[in-house]
């Protein structure tokens, strides 16, 4: 039971980290897109 909980906890932490990095990547992509858009004007 305890081992299952530990593996579940690890998965949760990995998932949270993954979500955070995805948000960062999306923010970077938006920033790059925004810069390109500004250059066109």
N, C-alpha and C. Protein backbone atom coordinates (compact mmCIF):
# COMPACT_ATOMS: atom_id res chain seq x y z
N UNK A 1 0.84 -1.20 0.00
CA UNK A 1 0.00 0.00 0.00
C UNK A 1 0.87 1.25 0.00
N UNK A 2 1.89 1.24 0.87
CA UNK A 2 2.77 2.39 0.99
C UNK A 2 3.58 2.59 -0.29
N UNK A 3 4.01 1.47 -0.88
CA UNK A 3 4.80 1.54 -2.12
C UNK A 3 3.93 2.14 -3.23
N UNK A 4 2.68 1.70 -3.29
CA UNK A 4 1.76 2.23 -4.30
C UNK A 4 1.60 3.73 -4.12
N UNK A 5 1.46 4.16 -2.89
CA UNK A 5 1.30 5.58 -2.61
C UNK A 5 2.53 6.36 -3.04
N UNK A 6 3.72 5.81 -2.76
CA UNK A 6 4.96 6.48 -3.15
C UNK A 6 5.07 6.63 -4.65
N UNK A 7 4.75 5.58 -5.38
CA UNK A 7 4.82 5.65 -6.84
C UNK A 7 3.78 6.64 -7.37
N UNK A 8 2.61 6.67 -6.74
CA UNK A 8 1.56 7.61 -7.13
C UNK A 8 2.03 9.04 -6.90
N UNK A 9 2.67 9.25 -5.75
CA UNK A 9 3.16 10.58 -5.40
C UNK A 9 4.22 11.03 -6.40
N UNK A 10 5.11 10.12 -6.74
CA UNK A 10 6.15 10.45 -7.72
C UNK A 10 5.53 10.83 -9.05
N UNK A 11 4.51 10.07 -9.47
CA UNK A 11 3.82 10.38 -10.73
C UNK A 11 3.18 11.75 -10.67
N UNK A 12 2.57 12.05 -9.54
CA UNK A 12 1.92 13.37 -9.37
C UNK A 12 2.95 14.49 -9.49
N UNK A 13 4.09 14.32 -8.84
CA UNK A 13 5.14 15.34 -8.87
C UNK A 13 5.66 15.51 -10.30
N UNK A 14 5.92 14.40 -10.97
CA UNK A 14 6.38 14.46 -12.35
C UNK A 14 5.35 15.16 -13.23
N UNK A 15 4.08 14.84 -13.02
CA UNK A 15 3.01 15.43 -13.81
C UNK A 15 2.95 16.94 -13.59
N UNK A 16 3.08 17.37 -12.33
CA UNK A 16 3.07 18.80 -12.02
C UNK A 16 4.24 19.50 -12.67
N UNK A 17 5.41 18.89 -12.59
CA UNK A 17 6.60 19.47 -13.22
C UNK A 17 6.39 19.56 -14.73
N UNK A 18 5.83 18.51 -15.31
CA UNK A 18 5.58 18.47 -16.75
C UNK A 18 4.63 19.60 -17.15
N UNK A 19 3.56 19.79 -16.36
CA UNK A 19 2.60 20.84 -16.65
C UNK A 19 3.26 22.22 -16.57
N UNK A 20 4.12 22.39 -15.56
CA UNK A 20 4.82 23.68 -15.41
C UNK A 20 5.71 23.95 -16.61
N UNK A 21 6.47 22.93 -17.04
CA UNK A 21 7.36 23.14 -18.18
C UNK A 21 6.55 23.40 -19.45
N UNK A 22 5.40 22.73 -19.60
CA UNK A 22 4.55 22.98 -20.75
C UNK A 22 4.09 24.43 -20.76
N UNK A 23 3.70 24.95 -19.60
CA UNK A 23 3.26 26.34 -19.50
C UNK A 23 4.40 27.29 -19.89
N UNK A 24 5.61 26.97 -19.42
CA UNK A 24 6.77 27.80 -19.74
C UNK A 24 7.04 27.79 -21.24
N UNK A 25 6.96 26.60 -21.85
CA UNK A 25 7.19 26.47 -23.30
C UNK A 25 6.15 27.29 -24.05
N UNK A 26 4.89 27.18 -23.65
CA UNK A 26 3.83 27.94 -24.31
C UNK A 26 4.08 29.43 -24.18
N UNK A 27 4.52 29.87 -22.99
CA UNK A 27 4.78 31.29 -22.77
C UNK A 27 5.93 31.76 -23.66
N UNK A 28 6.97 30.92 -23.78
CA UNK A 28 8.10 31.27 -24.64
C UNK A 28 7.66 31.37 -26.09
N UNK A 29 6.85 30.41 -26.53
CA UNK A 29 6.36 30.42 -27.91
C UNK A 29 5.56 31.69 -28.17
N UNK A 30 4.73 32.09 -27.22
CA UNK A 30 3.93 33.30 -27.37
C UNK A 30 4.84 34.52 -27.46
N UNK A 31 5.86 34.54 -26.62
CA UNK A 31 6.80 35.67 -26.61
C UNK A 31 7.52 35.77 -27.95
N UNK A 32 7.96 34.63 -28.47
CA UNK A 32 8.66 34.61 -29.77
C UNK A 32 7.71 35.08 -30.86
N UNK A 33 6.48 34.58 -30.84
CA UNK A 33 5.49 34.96 -31.83
C UNK A 33 5.21 36.47 -31.74
N UNK A 34 5.10 36.95 -30.51
CA UNK A 34 4.84 38.37 -30.29
C UNK A 34 5.97 39.23 -30.85
N UNK A 35 7.21 38.80 -30.64
CA UNK A 35 8.36 39.54 -31.15
C UNK A 35 8.33 39.57 -32.67
N UNK A 36 8.05 38.43 -33.28
CA UNK A 36 7.98 38.36 -34.75
C UNK A 36 6.88 39.30 -35.26
N UNK A 37 5.78 39.31 -34.54
CA UNK A 37 4.65 40.16 -34.93
C UNK A 37 5.05 41.64 -34.84
N UNK A 38 5.78 41.98 -33.78
CA UNK A 38 6.23 43.36 -33.61
C UNK A 38 7.21 43.76 -34.71
N UNK A 39 8.04 42.83 -35.13
CA UNK A 39 9.02 43.12 -36.18
C UNK A 39 8.33 43.42 -37.51
N UNK A 40 7.20 42.75 -37.77
CA UNK A 40 6.48 42.95 -39.03
C UNK A 40 5.91 44.36 -39.10
N UNK A 41 5.47 44.89 -37.98
CA UNK A 41 4.81 46.20 -37.97
C UNK A 41 5.84 47.30 -38.28
